[in-house]
Protein backbone atom coordinates (compact mmCIF):
# COMPACT_ATOMS: atom_id res chain seq x y z
CA MET A 1 -22.13 46.22 13.93
CA THR A 2 -21.97 42.95 15.82
CA THR A 3 -20.19 39.88 14.75
CA LEU A 4 -23.47 38.35 13.53
CA ASP A 5 -24.18 41.41 11.39
CA ARG A 6 -20.77 41.33 9.42
CA PRO A 7 -20.98 40.25 5.74
CA THR A 8 -19.63 36.72 5.11
CA THR A 9 -18.36 35.26 1.89
CA THR A 10 -20.83 32.83 0.41
CA ALA A 11 -19.90 29.53 -1.04
CA ALA A 12 -20.84 30.86 -4.40
CA GLU A 13 -18.47 33.78 -4.19
CA GLU A 14 -15.35 31.69 -3.23
CA PRO A 15 -15.04 29.83 -6.53
CA GLY A 16 -15.36 33.09 -8.43
CA ALA A 17 -12.53 34.67 -6.48
CA ALA A 18 -10.37 31.64 -7.00
CA ARG A 19 -11.04 31.72 -10.73
CA GLY A 20 -10.13 35.39 -10.81
CA GLN A 21 -6.83 34.59 -9.11
CA ASP A 22 -6.17 31.79 -11.49
CA ARG A 23 -6.76 34.10 -14.51
CA ARG A 24 -4.32 36.76 -13.05
CA LEU A 25 -1.78 34.07 -12.42
CA ARG A 26 -2.11 32.64 -15.91
CA ARG A 27 -1.89 36.12 -17.41
CA GLU A 28 1.33 36.85 -15.54
CA LEU A 29 2.83 33.48 -16.49
CA GLY A 30 1.87 34.18 -20.10
CA VAL A 31 3.64 37.50 -20.14
CA ALA A 32 6.76 35.92 -18.62
CA ASN A 33 6.73 33.03 -21.07
CA LEU A 34 6.37 35.50 -23.89
CA PHE A 35 9.46 37.40 -22.85
CA SER A 36 11.46 34.23 -22.16
CA HIS A 37 10.52 32.61 -25.46
CA GLY A 38 11.22 35.84 -27.32
CA PHE A 39 14.70 36.11 -25.73
CA LEU A 40 15.38 32.44 -26.62
CA LEU A 41 14.26 32.99 -30.25
CA LEU A 42 16.50 36.09 -30.45
CA TRP A 43 19.41 34.19 -29.01
CA ALA A 44 18.89 31.27 -31.42
CA ALA A 45 18.76 33.71 -34.39
CA LEU A 46 21.96 35.44 -33.28
CA THR A 47 23.67 32.00 -33.01
CA ALA A 48 22.33 30.22 -36.03
CA LEU A 49 22.19 32.95 -38.70
CA PRO A 50 25.98 33.62 -38.76
CA LEU A 51 26.59 29.84 -39.13
CA LEU A 52 24.04 29.72 -41.96
CA TRP A 53 25.59 32.71 -43.71
CA MET A 54 29.04 31.09 -43.39
CA PHE A 55 27.84 27.84 -44.88
CA ILE A 56 26.12 29.55 -47.75
CA SER A 57 29.13 31.73 -48.51
CA SER A 58 31.34 28.66 -48.74
CA PHE A 59 29.68 27.89 -52.01
CA LYS A 60 30.03 31.29 -53.49
CA SER A 61 32.73 32.79 -55.57
CA ASP A 62 34.88 35.66 -54.26
CA GLY A 63 33.00 38.09 -56.55
CA GLU A 64 29.50 36.99 -55.23
CA ILE A 65 30.79 37.31 -51.57
CA LEU A 66 31.92 40.89 -52.19
CA SER A 67 29.07 42.06 -54.43
CA ASP A 68 26.10 40.20 -52.91
CA PRO A 69 27.15 38.96 -49.44
CA TRP A 70 23.48 38.24 -48.36
CA GLY A 71 22.35 36.53 -51.50
CA LEU A 72 22.27 32.83 -52.48
CA PRO A 73 25.12 31.38 -54.54
CA GLY A 74 24.64 31.23 -58.27
CA ALA A 75 25.89 27.58 -58.18
CA LEU A 76 27.21 25.14 -55.58
CA ARG A 77 30.92 25.43 -55.95
CA PHE A 78 32.30 22.38 -54.17
CA GLU A 79 35.70 23.26 -55.56
CA ASN A 80 35.96 25.87 -52.80
CA TRP A 81 35.96 23.00 -50.24
CA SER A 82 38.46 20.92 -52.16
CA ARG A 83 40.76 24.00 -52.65
CA ALA A 84 40.61 24.70 -48.89
CA TRP A 85 41.25 21.07 -48.04
CA THR A 86 44.20 20.62 -50.36
CA GLU A 87 45.78 23.89 -51.40
CA ALA A 88 45.31 25.60 -48.00
CA HIS A 89 46.24 22.39 -46.19
CA ILE A 90 43.03 22.50 -44.06
CA GLY A 91 43.00 18.67 -44.33
CA ARG A 92 46.46 18.39 -42.70
CA TYR A 93 45.55 20.89 -39.99
CA PHE A 94 42.26 19.05 -39.41
CA LEU A 95 44.09 15.81 -38.81
CA ASN A 96 46.60 17.57 -36.50
CA SER A 97 43.73 19.02 -34.48
CA GLY A 98 42.10 15.65 -34.26
CA ILE A 99 45.26 14.01 -32.86
CA VAL A 100 45.86 16.77 -30.34
CA VAL A 101 42.24 16.91 -29.17
CA ALA A 102 42.06 13.15 -28.91
CA GLY A 103 45.13 12.91 -26.73
CA SER A 104 44.24 15.91 -24.54
CA LEU A 105 40.63 14.85 -24.05
CA THR A 106 41.67 11.27 -23.12
CA LEU A 107 44.19 12.56 -20.57
CA THR A 108 41.84 15.11 -19.21
CA MET A 109 38.92 12.69 -18.66
CA LEU A 110 41.12 10.01 -17.22
CA LEU A 111 42.92 12.25 -14.66
CA GLY A 112 39.94 14.44 -14.03
CA ALA A 113 37.47 11.57 -13.36
CA THR A 114 40.04 9.85 -11.07
CA ALA A 115 40.68 12.95 -8.99
CA ALA A 116 36.95 13.86 -8.80
CA TYR A 117 36.03 10.33 -7.59
CA VAL A 118 38.69 10.53 -4.86
CA PHE A 119 37.46 13.92 -3.68
CA ALA A 120 33.82 12.88 -3.70
CA ARG A 121 34.10 9.44 -2.08
CA TYR A 122 37.18 9.35 0.23
CA GLU A 123 37.95 11.17 3.44
CA PHE A 124 41.57 12.11 4.04
CA ARG A 125 43.52 14.91 5.62
CA GLY A 126 43.78 17.98 3.46
CA ARG A 127 41.07 16.80 1.01
CA GLN A 128 39.29 20.21 0.89
CA VAL A 129 42.53 22.16 0.56
CA VAL A 130 43.62 20.05 -2.49
CA TYR A 131 40.12 20.27 -3.97
CA TYR A 132 40.02 24.04 -3.73
CA LEU A 133 43.52 24.22 -5.21
CA PHE A 134 42.16 22.35 -8.20
CA VAL A 135 39.03 24.53 -8.47
CA GLY A 136 41.05 27.68 -7.91
CA GLY A 137 42.72 27.11 -11.31
CA MET A 138 39.35 28.14 -12.88
CA MET A 139 39.91 31.66 -11.74
CA PHE A 140 43.13 32.27 -13.62
CA PRO A 141 42.75 33.02 -17.38
CA VAL A 142 45.26 31.60 -19.73
CA PHE A 143 46.60 34.96 -20.65
CA LEU A 144 48.15 35.43 -17.24
CA ALA A 145 50.34 32.31 -17.65
CA LEU A 146 51.45 32.60 -21.26
CA VAL A 147 54.99 33.93 -20.49
CA PRO A 148 55.92 31.43 -17.80
CA LEU A 149 54.15 28.73 -19.67
CA PHE A 150 56.25 29.45 -22.77
CA PHE A 151 59.51 29.04 -20.83
CA VAL A 152 58.40 25.94 -18.90
CA VAL A 153 57.37 24.15 -22.09
CA ARG A 154 60.53 25.27 -23.91
CA ASN A 155 62.82 24.21 -20.98
CA ALA A 156 61.08 20.83 -20.85
CA GLY A 157 61.90 20.22 -24.56
CA LEU A 158 58.27 20.16 -25.61
CA PHE A 159 58.10 23.39 -27.52
CA GLY A 160 56.59 23.02 -30.93
CA SER A 161 55.43 19.44 -30.31
CA TRP A 162 52.00 17.90 -30.01
CA THR A 163 52.93 16.31 -26.69
CA GLY A 164 53.47 19.72 -25.06
CA LEU A 165 50.26 21.02 -26.46
CA ILE A 166 48.35 17.96 -25.20
CA LEU A 167 49.78 18.30 -21.66
CA VAL A 168 48.92 22.08 -21.59
CA TYR A 169 45.33 21.47 -22.81
CA ALA A 170 44.84 18.80 -20.20
CA ALA A 171 46.22 20.93 -17.38
CA TYR A 172 44.00 23.84 -18.25
CA SER A 173 40.91 21.61 -18.51
CA LEU A 174 41.39 19.71 -15.24
CA PRO A 175 40.02 22.37 -12.87
CA PHE A 176 36.55 22.53 -14.61
CA THR A 177 36.56 18.75 -15.06
CA VAL A 178 37.31 18.00 -11.40
CA PHE A 179 34.77 20.55 -10.26
CA PHE A 180 32.00 19.25 -12.43
CA LEU A 181 32.60 15.52 -11.87
CA THR A 182 33.06 15.85 -8.10
CA ALA A 183 29.56 17.18 -7.73
CA PHE A 184 28.32 14.47 -10.05
CA PHE A 185 30.06 11.56 -8.15
CA ARG A 186 28.51 12.78 -4.92
CA THR A 187 25.04 12.24 -6.33
CA LEU A 188 25.63 8.57 -7.09
CA PRO A 189 24.27 6.02 -4.59
CA THR A 190 26.76 4.76 -2.05
CA SER A 191 24.81 1.45 -1.47
CA ILE A 192 25.98 0.03 -4.80
CA ALA A 193 29.63 0.84 -4.09
CA GLU A 194 29.31 -0.67 -0.60
CA ALA A 195 27.74 -3.81 -2.04
CA ALA A 196 30.57 -4.11 -4.61
CA LEU A 197 33.20 -3.81 -1.83
CA ILE A 198 31.44 -6.43 0.33
CA ASP A 199 31.46 -8.81 -2.77
CA GLY A 200 35.20 -8.46 -2.87
CA CYS A 201 35.60 -5.80 -5.51
CA GLY A 202 38.80 -3.72 -5.03
CA HIS A 203 38.92 0.05 -5.24
CA PHE A 204 40.44 -0.04 -8.71
CA ARG A 205 37.80 -2.29 -10.14
CA LEU A 206 35.13 -0.44 -8.30
CA PHE A 207 35.99 2.74 -9.95
CA PHE A 208 36.36 1.38 -13.55
CA ARG A 209 33.68 -1.34 -13.44
CA VAL A 210 31.00 0.28 -11.29
CA MET A 211 31.30 3.99 -10.77
CA LEU A 212 32.42 5.10 -14.23
CA PRO A 213 29.55 3.40 -16.06
CA MET A 214 27.10 5.00 -13.52
CA ALA A 215 28.64 8.39 -14.20
CA ARG A 216 28.37 8.13 -17.99
CA PRO A 217 25.90 11.08 -18.37
CA GLY A 218 28.24 13.41 -16.44
CA LEU A 219 31.23 12.12 -18.25
CA ILE A 220 29.68 12.74 -21.66
CA SER A 221 28.62 16.26 -20.71
CA VAL A 222 32.08 17.35 -19.44
CA ALA A 223 33.78 15.64 -22.37
CA ILE A 224 31.64 17.64 -24.80
CA PHE A 225 32.53 20.96 -23.08
CA ASN A 226 36.24 20.00 -23.06
CA PHE A 227 36.08 18.98 -26.67
CA LEU A 228 34.67 22.34 -27.66
CA SER A 229 37.33 24.11 -25.60
CA HIS A 230 40.23 22.15 -27.02
CA TRP A 231 39.01 22.21 -30.66
CA ASN A 232 38.42 26.05 -30.62
CA GLN A 233 41.65 26.82 -28.75
CA PHE A 234 43.67 29.52 -30.47
CA ILE A 235 46.04 31.35 -28.17
CA LEU A 236 47.88 28.29 -26.76
CA PRO A 237 48.88 26.75 -30.15
CA GLN A 238 49.86 30.25 -31.37
CA VAL A 239 52.30 30.54 -28.48
CA LEU A 240 53.47 26.95 -28.15
CA MET A 241 53.38 25.70 -31.78
CA GLN A 242 55.47 28.34 -33.57
CA GLY A 243 57.79 27.34 -36.44
CA ASP A 244 57.04 24.11 -38.43
CA ASP A 245 53.65 24.64 -40.04
CA SER A 246 53.26 20.93 -40.73
CA LYS A 247 52.34 20.52 -37.03
CA TRP A 248 49.89 23.44 -36.86
CA VAL A 249 46.32 22.83 -35.72
CA LEU A 250 43.19 24.02 -37.41
CA ALA A 251 43.01 27.47 -35.74
CA GLN A 252 46.50 28.34 -36.87
CA GLY A 253 45.79 27.15 -40.38
CA LEU A 254 42.65 29.20 -40.69
CA THR A 255 44.54 32.27 -39.47
CA ALA A 256 47.29 31.73 -42.05
CA LEU A 257 44.67 31.30 -44.76
CA ALA A 258 43.05 34.61 -43.74
CA VAL A 259 46.22 36.66 -43.75
CA SER A 260 48.55 34.99 -46.18
CA GLN A 261 47.29 36.69 -49.30
CA GLY A 262 46.73 40.14 -47.95
CA TYR A 263 44.11 42.11 -49.98
CA GLN A 264 43.81 39.22 -52.42
CA GLY A 265 42.55 36.80 -49.90
CA ASP A 266 40.74 33.61 -50.83
CA PHE A 267 37.39 34.50 -49.17
CA SER A 268 35.51 31.55 -50.63
CA GLY A 269 38.19 29.19 -49.51
CA LEU A 270 38.28 30.80 -46.14
CA PHE A 271 34.53 30.35 -45.64
CA ALA A 272 34.84 26.70 -46.82
CA GLY A 273 37.67 26.16 -44.28
CA LEU A 274 35.67 27.74 -41.50
CA THR A 275 32.70 25.47 -42.34
CA ILE A 276 34.97 22.39 -42.25
CA ALA A 277 36.25 23.42 -38.84
CA THR A 278 32.75 23.98 -37.54
CA LEU A 279 31.20 20.71 -38.77
CA PRO A 280 32.78 18.43 -36.09
CA VAL A 281 31.50 20.68 -33.36
CA LEU A 282 27.96 20.71 -34.67
CA ALA A 283 28.04 16.96 -35.31
CA VAL A 284 29.19 16.19 -31.75
CA TYR A 285 26.56 18.39 -30.21
CA VAL A 286 23.79 17.11 -32.33
CA ALA A 287 24.75 13.43 -31.64
CA PHE A 288 25.07 13.95 -27.78
CA GLN A 289 22.68 16.75 -27.06
CA ARG A 290 20.39 14.47 -25.10
CA GLN A 291 23.32 13.20 -22.99
CA ILE A 292 24.45 16.76 -22.38
CA GLN A 293 21.06 17.75 -21.00
CA THR A 294 20.83 14.62 -18.92
CA GLY A 295 24.28 15.12 -17.38
CA LEU A 296 23.63 18.75 -16.54
CA THR A 297 20.38 18.03 -14.79
CA ALA A 298 21.39 14.79 -13.08
CA GLY A 299 24.43 16.42 -11.44
CA GLN A 300 22.23 18.90 -9.62
CA LEU A 301 19.95 16.35 -7.83
CA LYS A 302 21.00 14.49 -4.69
């Protein structure tokens, strides 16, 4: 067969082949989307249903929780919440947690943002070494340092105090904060900083007046993650806040409520206390979810 005798694809056949490829591509994408959406729905159910069950159980009596754990409450018993808040001292522990988290979060964001800005914008000898020392702290779980940390805090005279707990929280949050914000500060345009320096703005004012407002999405994102970590922290206050229960944080108070009465535990009050402890986390995430998404995506673009 010569070259002239070979069959050629006509103009009418080419759109048909293209449409067939498009249909196959859409079918493959549809299957992938089905699996991905199914997995996301399953994950959402596994996350939301326990929270919903906890919230519903906070309005039940102890008898209803034990006899019909999956049913609806016969009446909305708000006295469970008031009993947990007053008699179980959840209100006091809630306030203590708020003080500790506010102090540790402020210290973490101030020191972390300052260090991250220096690592991202300034060249100096040993910068990479110091940066990787910060980031290397993310590799060590808190359990490895509990014993030496206990003696360090006790020898410093900070054992059983909010100050010691705030400093430890901030120290353990700095590696992640520096790692996250360094990448974010590198994405910010240098032309604005150079223009501010030319106009006579000093480095101190440049950081607080220009760069920090520009880095607001990243700051909000990492602040939310640190807030969740500090608010839900359990092992550190258990080790460093022994003794005087008037200074306990919420995690310690909930643990005491769960084990104090043995087999006659106040289950309705416990569920009410758990719900009270969860509400700030949900409120913060609902209020700042758009900023969290913006910060996570903006930090990936150059």
